[in-house]
PDB file of N, CA and C in Angstrom:
ATOM      1  N   UNK A   1     108.708  89.017  57.705  1.00  0.00           N
ATOM      2  CA  UNK A   1     107.572  89.907  57.853  1.00  0.00           C
ATOM      3  C   UNK A   1     107.010  89.839  59.278  1.00  0.00           C
ATOM      4  N   UNK A   2     106.903  88.618  59.808  1.00  0.00           N
ATOM      5  CA  UNK A   2     106.397  88.453  61.169  1.00  0.00           C
ATOM      6  C   UNK A   2     107.300  89.163  62.172  1.00  0.00           C
ATOM      7  N   UNK A   3     108.614  89.119  61.928  1.00  0.00           N
ATOM      8  CA  UNK A   3     109.560  89.752  62.844  1.00  0.00           C
ATOM      9  C   UNK A   3     109.382  91.269  62.857  1.00  0.00           C
ATOM     10  N   UNK A   4     109.112  91.844  61.724  1.00  0.00           N
ATOM     11  CA  UNK A   4     108.909  93.294  61.638  1.00  0.00           C
ATOM     12  C   UNK A   4     107.637  93.691  62.376  1.00  0.00           C
ATOM     13  N   UNK A   5     106.575  92.951  62.197  1.00  0.00           N
ATOM     14  CA  UNK A   5     105.310  93.232  62.879  1.00  0.00           C
ATOM     15  C   UNK A   5     105.477  93.058  64.386  1.00  0.00           C
ATOM     16  N   UNK A   6     106.165  91.988  64.790  1.00  0.00           N
ATOM     17  CA  UNK A   6     106.403  91.737  66.204  1.00  0.00           C
ATOM     18  C   UNK A   6     107.258  92.843  66.816  1.00  0.00           C
ATOM     19  N   UNK A   7     108.284  93.273  66.117  1.00  0.00           N
ATOM     20  CA  UNK A   7     109.148  94.348  66.611  1.00  0.00           C
ATOM     21  C   UNK A   7     108.354  95.649  66.743  1.00  0.00           C
ATOM     22  N   UNK A   8     107.511  95.938  65.777  1.00  0.00           N
ATOM     23  CA  UNK A   8     106.671  97.136  65.835  1.00  0.00           C
ATOM     24  C   UNK A   8     105.703  97.094  67.006  1.00  0.00           C
ATOM     25  N   UNK A   9     105.115  95.935  67.241  1.00  0.00           N
ATOM     26  CA  UNK A   9     104.193  95.781  68.367  1.00  0.00           C
ATOM     27  C   UNK A   9     104.921  95.971  69.693  1.00  0.00           C
ATOM     28  N   UNK A  10     106.138  95.475  69.793  1.00  0.00           N
ATOM     29  CA  UNK A  10     106.913  95.638  71.019  1.00  0.00           C
ATOM     30  C   UNK A  10     107.249  97.108  71.275  1.00  0.00           C
ATOM     31  N   UNK A  11     107.608  97.823  70.230  1.00  0.00           N
ATOM     32  CA  UNK A  11     107.910  99.255  70.371  1.00  0.00           C
ATOM     33  C   UNK A  11     106.673 100.005  70.840  1.00  0.00           C
ATOM     34  N   UNK A  12     105.541  99.717  70.258  1.00  0.00           N
ATOM     35  CA  UNK A  12     104.301 100.378  70.671  1.00  0.00           C
ATOM     36  C   UNK A  12     103.954 100.055  72.109  1.00  0.00           C
ATOM     37  N   UNK A  13     104.124  98.804  72.501  1.00  0.00           N
ATOM     38  CA  UNK A  13     103.808  98.402  73.870  1.00  0.00           C
ATOM     39  C   UNK A  13     104.730  99.106  74.865  1.00  0.00           C
ATOM     40  N   UNK A  14     106.013  99.150  74.570  1.00  0.00           N
ATOM     41  CA  UNK A  14     106.967  99.802  75.468  1.00  0.00           C
ATOM     42  C   UNK A  14     106.719 101.299  75.546  1.00  0.00           C
ATOM     43  N   UNK A  15     106.411 101.920  74.443  1.00  0.00           N
ATOM     44  CA  UNK A  15     106.125 103.348  74.435  1.00  0.00           C
ATOM     45  C   UNK A  15     104.869 103.644  75.230  1.00  0.00           C
ATOM     46  N   UNK A  16     103.861 102.808  75.109  1.00  0.00           N
ATOM     47  CA  UNK A  16     102.624 102.990  75.867  1.00  0.00           C
ATOM     48  C   UNK A  16     102.843 102.857  77.357  1.00  0.00           C
ATOM     49  N   UNK A  17     103.649 101.903  77.776  1.00  0.00           N
ATOM     50  CA  UNK A  17     103.946 101.718  79.192  1.00  0.00           C
ATOM     51  C   UNK A  17     104.703 102.925  79.725  1.00  0.00           C
ATOM     52  N   UNK A  18     105.673 103.395  78.967  1.00  0.00           N
ATOM     53  CA  UNK A  18     106.449 104.561  79.388  1.00  0.00           C
ATOM     54  C   UNK A  18     105.559 105.784  79.494  1.00  0.00           C
ATOM     55  N   UNK A  19     104.665 105.958  78.529  1.00  0.00           N
ATOM     56  CA  UNK A  19     103.748 107.101  78.554  1.00  0.00           C
ATOM     57  C   UNK A  19     102.799 107.003  79.743  1.00  0.00           C
ATOM     58  N   UNK A  20     102.320 105.817  80.066  1.00  0.00           N
ATOM     59  CA  UNK A  20     101.429 105.638  81.215  1.00  0.00           C
ATOM     60  C   UNK A  20     102.159 105.967  82.515  1.00  0.00           C
ATOM     61  N   UNK A  21     103.424 105.570  82.622  1.00  0.00           N
ATOM     62  CA  UNK A  21     104.205 105.877  83.825  1.00  0.00           C
ATOM     63  C   UNK A  21     104.418 107.379  83.943  1.00  0.00           C
ATOM     64  N   UNK A  22     104.665 108.067  82.819  1.00  0.00           N
ATOM     65  CA  UNK A  22     104.834 109.523  82.844  1.00  0.00           C
ATOM     66  C   UNK A  22     103.556 110.200  83.313  1.00  0.00           C
ATOM     67  N   UNK A  23     102.401 109.745  82.820  1.00  0.00           N
ATOM     68  CA  UNK A  23     101.125 110.322  83.252  1.00  0.00           C
ATOM     69  C   UNK A  23     100.906 110.090  84.732  1.00  0.00           C
ATOM     70  N   UNK A  24     101.252 108.913  85.204  1.00  0.00           N
ATOM     71  CA  UNK A  24     101.088 108.566  86.614  1.00  0.00           C
ATOM     72  C   UNK A  24     101.914 109.513  87.479  1.00  0.00           C
ATOM     73  N   UNK A  25     103.173 109.733  87.092  1.00  0.00           N
ATOM     74  CA  UNK A  25     104.044 110.634  87.844  1.00  0.00           C
ATOM     75  C   UNK A  25     103.561 112.071  87.786  1.00  0.00           C
ATOM     76  N   UNK A  26     103.008 112.490  86.660  1.00  0.00           N
ATOM     77  CA  UNK A  26     102.574 113.883  86.527  1.00  0.00           C
ATOM     78  C   UNK A  26     101.361 114.196  87.395  1.00  0.00           C
ATOM     79  N   UNK A  27     100.605 113.171  87.804  1.00  0.00           N
ATOM     80  CA  UNK A  27      99.432 113.384  88.645  1.00  0.00           C
ATOM     81  C   UNK A  27      99.765 113.383  90.138  1.00  0.00           C
ATOM     82  N   UNK A  28     100.978 112.989  90.493  1.00  0.00           N
ATOM     83  CA  UNK A  28     101.359 112.922  91.901  1.00  0.00           C
ATOM     84  C   UNK A  28     101.533 114.324  92.471  1.00  0.00           C
ATOM     85  N   UNK A  29     101.206 114.463  93.734  1.00  0.00           N
ATOM     86  CA  UNK A  29     101.451 115.712  94.453  1.00  0.00           C
ATOM     87  C   UNK A  29     102.831 115.594  95.094  1.00  0.00           C
ATOM     88  N   UNK A  30     103.839 116.004  94.347  1.00  0.00           N
ATOM     89  CA  UNK A  30     105.223 115.859  94.787  1.00  0.00           C
ATOM     90  C   UNK A  30     105.505 116.679  96.039  1.00  0.00           C
ATOM     91  N   UNK A  31     104.797 117.779  96.227  1.00  0.00           N
ATOM     92  CA  UNK A  31     105.009 118.610  97.418  1.00  0.00           C
ATOM     93  C   UNK A  31     104.644 117.833  98.679  1.00  0.00           C
ATOM     94  N   UNK A  32     103.547 117.088  98.629  1.00  0.00           N
ATOM     95  CA  UNK A  32     103.143 116.282  99.788  1.00  0.00           C
ATOM     96  C   UNK A  32     104.136 115.165 100.055  1.00  0.00           C
ATOM     97  N   UNK A  33     104.695 114.612  98.987  1.00  0.00           N
ATOM     98  CA  UNK A  33     105.651 113.521  99.140  1.00  0.00           C
ATOM     99  C   UNK A  33     107.020 114.022  99.588  1.00  0.00           C
ATOM    100  N   UNK A  34     107.213 115.348  99.587  1.00  0.00           N
ATOM    101  CA  UNK A  34     108.474 115.921 100.039  1.00  0.00           C
ATOM    102  C   UNK A  34     109.574 115.904  98.998  1.00  0.00           C
ATOM    103  N   UNK A  35     109.191 115.809  97.726  1.00  0.00           N
ATOM    104  CA  UNK A  35     110.175 115.812  96.634  1.00  0.00           C
ATOM    105  C   UNK A  35     110.249 117.239  96.093  1.00  0.00           C
ATOM    106  N   UNK A  36     111.095 118.048  96.706  1.00  0.00           N
ATOM    107  CA  UNK A  36     111.135 119.484  96.418  1.00  0.00           C
ATOM    108  C   UNK A  36     111.530 119.791  94.979  1.00  0.00           C
ATOM    109  N   UNK A  37     112.441 119.012  94.406  1.00  0.00           N
ATOM    110  CA  UNK A  37     112.886 119.324  93.048  1.00  0.00           C
ATOM    111  C   UNK A  37     111.810 119.060  91.998  1.00  0.00           C
ATOM    112  N   UNK A  38     110.785 118.279  92.320  1.00  0.00           N
ATOM    113  CA  UNK A  38     109.673 118.045  91.396  1.00  0.00           C
ATOM    114  C   UNK A  38     108.440 118.853  91.781  1.00  0.00           C
ATOM    115  N   UNK A  39     108.532 119.561  92.883  1.00  0.00           N
ATOM    116  CA  UNK A  39     107.400 120.332  93.391  1.00  0.00           C
ATOM    117  C   UNK A  39     107.374 121.689  92.696  1.00  0.00           C
ATOM    118  N   UNK A  40     106.263 121.990  92.042  1.00  0.00           N
ATOM    119  CA  UNK A  40     106.142 123.245  91.314  1.00  0.00           C
ATOM    120  C   UNK A  40     105.734 124.419  92.172  1.00  0.00           C
ATOM    121  N   UNK A  41     105.297 124.174  93.385  1.00  0.00           N
ATOM    122  CA  UNK A  41     104.814 125.252  94.245  1.00  0.00           C
ATOM    123  C   UNK A  41     105.481 125.223  95.593  1.00  0.00           C
ATOM    124  N   UNK A  42     104.741 125.642  96.568  1.00  0.00           N
ATOM    125  CA  UNK A  42     105.263 125.696  97.924  1.00  0.00           C
ATOM    126  C   UNK A  42     105.114 124.355  98.618  1.00  0.00           C
ATOM    127  N   UNK A  43     105.983 124.091  99.567  1.00  0.00           N
ATOM    128  CA  UNK A  43     105.874 122.865 100.355  1.00  0.00           C
ATOM    129  C   UNK A  43     105.306 123.165 101.740  1.00  0.00           C
ATOM    130  N   UNK A  44     104.888 124.401 101.953  1.00  0.00           N
ATOM    131  CA  UNK A  44     104.311 124.809 103.229  1.00  0.00           C
ATOM    132  C   UNK A  44     102.830 125.093 103.026  1.00  0.00           C
ATOM    133  N   UNK A  45     101.986 124.389 103.804  1.00  0.00           N
ATOM    134  CA  UNK A  45     100.540 124.549 103.698  1.00  0.00           C
ATOM    135  C   UNK A  45      99.979 124.788 105.083  1.00  0.00           C
ATOM    136  N   UNK A  46      98.824 125.465 105.136  1.00  0.00           N
ATOM    137  CA  UNK A  46      98.139 125.500 106.432  1.00  0.00           C
ATOM    138  C   UNK A  46      97.489 124.129 106.634  1.00  0.00           C
ATOM    139  N   UNK A  47      97.031 123.869 107.841  1.00  0.00           N
ATOM    140  CA  UNK A  47      96.534 122.540 108.194  1.00  0.00           C
ATOM    141  C   UNK A  47      95.333 122.121 107.342  1.00  0.00           C
ATOM    142  N   UNK A  48      94.421 123.041 107.099  1.00  0.00           N
ATOM    143  CA  UNK A  48      93.232 122.710 106.298  1.00  0.00           C
ATOM    144  C   UNK A  48      93.623 122.367 104.859  1.00  0.00           C
ATOM    145  N   UNK A  49      94.551 123.133 104.280  1.00  0.00           N
ATOM    146  CA  UNK A  49      94.996 122.878 102.905  1.00  0.00           C
ATOM    147  C   UNK A  49      95.746 121.549 102.826  1.00  0.00           C
ATOM    148  N   UNK A  50      96.591 121.271 103.805  1.00  0.00           N
ATOM    149  CA  UNK A  50      97.334 120.016 103.819  1.00  0.00           C
ATOM    150  C   UNK A  50      96.370 118.832 103.902  1.00  0.00           C
ATOM    151  N   UNK A  51      95.375 118.923 104.763  1.00  0.00           N
ATOM    152  CA  UNK A  51      94.390 117.849 104.908  1.00  0.00           C
ATOM    153  C   UNK A  51      93.631 117.645 103.604  1.00  0.00           C
ATOM    154  N   UNK A  52      93.200 118.727 102.982  1.00  0.00           N
ATOM    155  CA  UNK A  52      92.459 118.639 101.716  1.00  0.00           C
ATOM    156  C   UNK A  52      93.315 117.990 100.632  1.00  0.00           C
ATOM    157  N   UNK A  53      94.572 118.403 100.527  1.00  0.00           N
ATOM    158  CA  UNK A  53      95.454 117.857  99.494  1.00  0.00           C
ATOM    159  C   UNK A  53      95.764 116.382  99.754  1.00  0.00           C
ATOM    160  N   UNK A  54      95.952 116.026 101.015  1.00  0.00           N
ATOM    161  CA  UNK A  54      96.205 114.625 101.349  1.00  0.00           C
ATOM    162  C   UNK A  54      95.008 113.752 101.001  1.00  0.00           C
ATOM    163  N   UNK A  55      93.812 114.215 101.347  1.00  0.00           N
ATOM    164  CA  UNK A  55      92.600 113.446 101.026  1.00  0.00           C
ATOM    165  C   UNK A  55      92.455 113.277  99.523  1.00  0.00           C
ATOM    166  N   UNK A  56      92.718 114.331  98.764  1.00  0.00           N
ATOM    167  CA  UNK A  56      92.611 114.257  97.305  1.00  0.00           C
ATOM    168  C   UNK A  56      93.649 113.300  96.729  1.00  0.00           C
ATOM    169  N   UNK A  57      94.857 113.336  97.262  1.00  0.00           N
ATOM    170  CA  UNK A  57      95.912 112.452  96.773  1.00  0.00           C
ATOM    171  C   UNK A  57      95.572 110.994  97.077  1.00  0.00           C
ATOM    172  N   UNK A  58      95.092 110.726  98.274  1.00  0.00           N
ATOM    173  CA  UNK A  58      94.763 109.357  98.669  1.00  0.00           C
ATOM    174  C   UNK A  58      93.621 108.803  97.822  1.00  0.00           C
ATOM    175  N   UNK A  59      92.682 109.657  97.447  1.00  0.00           N
ATOM    176  CA  UNK A  59      91.560 109.210  96.602  1.00  0.00           C
ATOM    177  C   UNK A  59      92.034 108.724  95.234  1.00  0.00           C
ATOM    178  N   UNK A  60      93.167 109.225  94.752  1.00  0.00           N
ATOM    179  CA  UNK A  60      93.694 108.794  93.451  1.00  0.00           C
ATOM    180  C   UNK A  60      94.153 107.346  93.495  1.00  0.00           C
ATOM    181  N   UNK A  61      94.493 106.878  94.696  1.00  0.00           N
ATOM    182  CA  UNK A  61      94.813 105.470  94.895  1.00  0.00           C
ATOM    183  C   UNK A  61      96.009 104.972  94.117  1.00  0.00           C
ATOM    184  N   UNK A  62      95.989 103.665  93.848  1.00  0.00           N
ATOM    185  CA  UNK A  62      97.119 103.025  93.181  1.00  0.00           C
ATOM    186  C   UNK A  62      97.178 103.309  91.688  1.00  0.00           C
ATOM    187  N   UNK A  63      96.194 104.036  91.161  1.00  0.00           N
ATOM    188  CA  UNK A  63      96.291 104.475  89.771  1.00  0.00           C
ATOM    189  C   UNK A  63      97.427 105.481  89.618  1.00  0.00           C
ATOM    190  N   UNK A  64      97.747 106.197  90.701  1.00  0.00           N
ATOM    191  CA  UNK A  64      98.763 107.246  90.659  1.00  0.00           C
ATOM    192  C   UNK A  64      99.927 106.953  91.604  1.00  0.00           C
ATOM    193  N   UNK A  65      99.632 106.504  92.808  1.00  0.00           N
ATOM    194  CA  UNK A  65     100.649 106.328  93.842  1.00  0.00           C
ATOM    195  C   UNK A  65     100.970 104.857  94.066  1.00  0.00           C
ATOM    196  N   UNK A  66     102.200 104.594  94.493  1.00  0.00           N
ATOM    197  CA  UNK A  66     102.569 103.239  94.868  1.00  0.00           C
ATOM    198  C   UNK A  66     101.933 102.928  96.227  1.00  0.00           C
ATOM    199  N   UNK A  67     101.802 101.657  96.578  1.00  0.00           N
ATOM    200  CA  UNK A  67     101.258 101.324  97.905  1.00  0.00           C
ATOM    201  C   UNK A  67     102.066 101.957  99.045  1.00  0.00           C
ATOM    202  N   UNK A  68     103.376 102.033  98.883  1.00  0.00           N
ATOM    203  CA  UNK A  68     104.217 102.646  99.913  1.00  0.00           C
ATOM    204  C   UNK A  68     103.933 104.143 100.040  1.00  0.00           C
ATOM    205  N   UNK A  69     103.768 104.806  98.909  1.00  0.00           N
ATOM    206  CA  UNK A  69     103.455 106.238  98.932  1.00  0.00           C
ATOM    207  C   UNK A  69     102.088 106.473  99.565  1.00  0.00           C
ATOM    208  N   UNK A  70     101.120 105.624  99.242  1.00  0.00           N
ATOM    209  CA  UNK A  70      99.790 105.763  99.840  1.00  0.00           C
ATOM    210  C   UNK A  70      99.835 105.566 101.352  1.00  0.00           C
ATOM    211  N   UNK A  71     100.627 104.625 101.791  1.00  0.00           N
ATOM    212  CA  UNK A  71     100.781 104.386 103.223  1.00  0.00           C
ATOM    213  C   UNK A  71     101.373 105.630 103.903  1.00  0.00           C
ATOM    214  N   UNK A  72     102.367 106.226 103.276  1.00  0.00           N
ATOM    215  CA  UNK A  72     102.994 107.438 103.797  1.00  0.00           C
ATOM    216  C   UNK A  72     101.990 108.600 103.838  1.00  0.00           C
ATOM    217  N   UNK A  73     101.226 108.762 102.767  1.00  0.00           N
ATOM    218  CA  UNK A  73     100.226 109.833 102.712  1.00  0.00           C
ATOM    219  C   UNK A  73      99.148 109.619 103.772  1.00  0.00           C
ATOM    220  N   UNK A  74      98.736 108.373 103.979  1.00  0.00           N
ATOM    221  CA  UNK A  74      97.731 108.064 104.989  1.00  0.00           C
ATOM    222  C   UNK A  74      98.244 108.402 106.385  1.00  0.00           C
ATOM    223  N   UNK A  75      99.511 108.098 106.645  1.00  0.00           N
ATOM    224  CA  UNK A  75     100.110 108.428 107.944  1.00  0.00           C
ATOM    225  C   UNK A  75     100.174 109.946 108.128  1.00  0.00           C
ATOM    226  N   UNK A  76     100.507 110.656 107.073  1.00  0.00           N
ATOM    227  CA  UNK A  76     100.545 112.121 107.144  1.00  0.00           C
ATOM    228  C   UNK A  76      99.152 112.690 107.415  1.00  0.00           C
ATOM    229  N   UNK A  77      98.125 112.103 106.787  1.00  0.00           N
ATOM    230  CA  UNK A  77      96.756 112.555 106.995  1.00  0.00           C
ATOM    231  C   UNK A  77      96.326 112.322 108.440  1.00  0.00           C
ATOM    232  N   UNK A  78      96.650 111.165 108.984  1.00  0.00           N
ATOM    233  CA  UNK A  78      96.296 110.874 110.376  1.00  0.00           C
ATOM    234  C   UNK A  78      96.990 111.853 111.319  1.00  0.00           C
ATOM    235  N   UNK A  79      98.243 112.167 111.046  1.00  0.00           N
ATOM    236  CA  UNK A  79      98.973 113.136 111.864  1.00  0.00           C
ATOM    237  C   UNK A  79      98.325 114.519 111.778  1.00  0.00           C
ATOM    238  N   UNK A  80      97.924 114.919 110.581  1.00  0.00           N
ATOM    239  CA  UNK A  80      97.269 116.217 110.409  1.00  0.00           C
ATOM    240  C   UNK A  80      95.940 116.253 111.166  1.00  0.00           C
ATOM    241  N   UNK A  81      95.194 115.163 111.120  1.00  0.00           N
ATOM    242  CA  UNK A  81      93.915 115.097 111.836  1.00  0.00           C
ATOM    243  C   UNK A  81      94.129 115.139 113.349  1.00  0.00           C
ATOM    244  N   UNK A  82      95.152 114.454 113.839  1.00  0.00           N
ATOM    245  CA  UNK A  82      95.461 114.495 115.268  1.00  0.00           C
ATOM    246  C   UNK A  82      95.850 115.905 115.697  1.00  0.00           C
ATOM    247  N   UNK A  83      96.629 116.573 114.881  1.00  0.00           N
ATOM    248  CA  UNK A  83      97.027 117.953 115.182  1.00  0.00           C
ATOM    249  C   UNK A  83      95.810 118.851 115.243  1.00  0.00           C
ATOM    250  N   UNK A  84      94.888 118.673 114.299  1.00  0.00           N
ATOM    251  CA  UNK A  84      93.664 119.482 114.304  1.00  0.00           C
ATOM    252  C   UNK A  84      92.845 119.233 115.561  1.00  0.00           C
ATOM    253  N   UNK A  85      92.732 117.965 115.963  1.00  0.00           N
ATOM    254  CA  UNK A  85      91.985 117.655 117.198  1.00  0.00           C
ATOM    255  C   UNK A  85      92.624 118.326 118.407  1.00  0.00           C
ATOM    256  N   UNK A  86      93.939 118.309 118.476  1.00  0.00           N
ATOM    257  CA  UNK A  86      94.636 118.951 119.590  1.00  0.00           C
ATOM    258  C   UNK A  86      94.406 120.466 119.592  1.00  0.00           C
ATOM    259  N   UNK A  87      94.469 121.056 118.418  1.00  0.00           N
ATOM    260  CA  UNK A  87      94.262 122.501 118.306  1.00  0.00           C
ATOM    261  C   UNK A  87      92.816 122.888 118.627  1.00  0.00           C
ATOM    262  N   UNK A  88      91.878 122.036 118.262  1.00  0.00           N
ATOM    263  CA  UNK A  88      90.464 122.321 118.531  1.00  0.00           C
ATOM    264  C   UNK A  88      90.136 122.268 120.014  1.00  0.00           C
ATOM    265  N   UNK A  89      90.905 121.527 120.770  1.00  0.00           N
ATOM    266  CA  UNK A  89      90.673 121.427 122.219  1.00  0.00           C
ATOM    267  C   UNK A  89      91.060 122.704 122.959  1.00  0.00           C
ATOM    268  N   UNK A  90      91.899 123.497 122.375  1.00  0.00           N
ATOM    269  CA  UNK A  90      92.382 124.723 123.049  1.00  0.00           C
ATOM    270  C   UNK A  90      91.384 125.820 122.972  1.00  0.00           C
TER     271      UNK A  90
END
């Protein structure tokens, strides 16, 4: 009896982890990450839209993105901000 209960608990735990990972992936902005096959829309944005989307993605933090992905998004945001500063000088 204990084995059946333990096996059931393990199945529930594994299913919950898998479901949490699916939710995490579904919240990612795949277009920003450059994953075209998972991107439902366009991968081309104007600078203001790209900055807004990057800021929103970064705010989701490690609940949605891996530390490596967040680092990449942060670098992209800094590049977008530098581009805006250069364009504003003209």
